[in-house]
Amino acid sequence: MENRDRLVFKNACDKYGFEYPFLFENYIDLAKEYMLFNNRNRMISLKDAIEETGVNKRGILHAAYDDAVNATLVMQKLISKGWTNDRTHLSIAM
């Protein structure tokens, strides 16, 4: 399972003494969701997802705030195309 961003975030929280704010059950890996929704066999970068969805990129890639905004815009595109976070059809727990 790919959750590199979550692991990096957790390690940063641990390093600086912050409580990790997410539960496994409520974490959504956008790269994985994009891959599944688009029936791909591999994940793609945020840059590629921005280009494929036609989102107007905001700011600079790999800048935390800008990446959060751009990821939100990609997620909005997925939702507008019918994506939901319903996991009842999956055989694995998310």
Protein backbone atom coordinates (compact mmCIF):
# COMPACT_ATOMS: atom_id res chain seq x y z
CA MET A 1 0.00 0.00 0.00
CA GLU A 2 1.34 3.39 -0.99
CA ASN A 3 1.09 5.95 1.79
CA ARG A 4 4.43 7.70 1.53
CA ASP A 5 3.00 11.16 2.17
CA ARG A 6 1.21 9.92 5.26
CA LEU A 7 4.39 8.30 6.56
CA VAL A 8 6.44 11.45 5.91
CA PHE A 9 3.80 13.53 7.69
CA LYS A 10 3.70 11.13 10.65
CA ASN A 11 7.49 11.17 10.94
CA ALA A 12 7.49 14.98 10.90
CA CYS A 13 4.82 15.04 13.62
CA ASP A 14 6.87 12.63 15.73
CA LYS A 15 10.08 14.61 15.19
CA TYR A 16 8.55 17.93 16.24
CA GLY A 17 6.35 16.57 19.04
CA PHE A 18 2.95 17.03 17.38
CA GLU A 19 0.11 14.57 17.74
CA TYR A 20 -0.58 12.82 14.43
CA PRO A 21 -4.02 14.14 13.43
CA PHE A 22 -5.26 11.33 11.17
CA LEU A 23 -6.75 7.93 11.70
CA PHE A 24 -6.05 5.27 9.12
CA GLU A 25 -9.78 5.01 8.44
CA ASN A 26 -10.18 8.65 7.43
CA TYR A 27 -7.02 9.08 5.36
CA ILE A 28 -7.49 9.31 1.58
CA ASP A 29 -4.47 8.76 -0.63
CA LEU A 30 -5.31 10.94 -3.64
CA ALA A 31 -2.72 9.29 -5.88
CA LYS A 32 -4.17 5.85 -5.14
CA GLU A 33 -7.75 7.05 -5.57
CA TYR A 34 -6.86 8.69 -8.89
CA MET A 35 -5.25 5.44 -10.06
CA LEU A 36 -8.25 3.31 -9.05
CA PHE A 37 -10.84 5.72 -10.43
CA ASN A 38 -9.06 5.91 -13.77
CA ASN A 39 -8.44 2.13 -13.95
CA ARG A 40 -4.66 2.50 -14.05
CA ASN A 41 -2.07 -0.01 -12.96
CA ARG A 42 0.24 2.61 -11.42
CA MET A 43 0.00 5.91 -9.62
CA ILE A 44 0.96 9.15 -11.32
CA SER A 45 2.38 12.40 -10.00
CA LEU A 46 0.29 15.35 -8.92
CA LYS A 47 1.76 17.24 -11.90
CA ASP A 48 0.48 14.59 -14.31
CA ALA A 49 -2.93 14.47 -12.61
CA ILE A 50 -3.20 18.26 -12.91
CA GLU A 51 -2.40 18.08 -16.62
CA GLU A 52 -4.74 15.14 -17.30
CA THR A 53 -7.70 16.70 -15.51
CA GLY A 54 -7.21 20.10 -17.10
CA VAL A 55 -6.91 21.83 -13.74
CA ASN A 56 -5.30 25.25 -13.88
CA LYS A 57 -2.19 24.70 -11.73
CA ARG A 58 -1.86 27.16 -8.87
CA GLY A 59 1.51 28.22 -7.51
CA ILE A 60 4.63 26.07 -7.46
CA LEU A 61 4.72 22.28 -7.44
CA HIS A 62 6.20 20.75 -4.25
CA ALA A 63 5.32 23.83 -2.18
CA ALA A 64 3.09 22.50 0.61
CA TYR A 65 0.27 25.05 0.37
CA ASP A 66 0.24 25.03 -3.43
CA ASP A 67 0.25 21.22 -3.55
CA ALA A 68 -2.67 21.15 -1.11
CA VAL A 69 -4.64 23.57 -3.29
CA ASN A 70 -3.82 21.67 -6.47
CA ALA A 71 -4.65 18.30 -4.89
CA THR A 72 -8.00 19.74 -3.81
CA LEU A 73 -8.69 20.89 -7.37
CA VAL A 74 -7.84 17.43 -8.73
CA MET A 75 -10.11 15.85 -6.10
CA GLN A 76 -12.92 18.22 -7.09
CA LYS A 77 -12.52 17.04 -10.70
CA LEU A 78 -12.73 13.40 -9.58
CA ILE A 79 -15.86 14.11 -7.55
CA SER A 80 -17.46 15.92 -10.50
CA LYS A 81 -16.81 12.78 -12.59
CA GLY A 82 -18.48 10.51 -10.05
CA TRP A 83 -15.78 9.52 -7.53
CA THR A 84 -17.00 8.78 -4.00
CA ASN A 85 -15.25 7.50 -0.91
CA ASP A 86 -17.66 4.56 -0.63
CA ARG A 87 -15.54 1.54 0.31
CA THR A 88 -18.30 -1.07 0.46
CA HIS A 89 -17.35 -2.41 -2.98
CA LEU A 90 -13.72 -3.05 -2.06
CA SER A 91 -12.44 -6.30 -0.65
CA ILE A 92 -9.81 -4.59 1.51
CA ALA A 93 -10.33 -2.13 4.33
CA MET A 94 -9.03 1.33 3.61
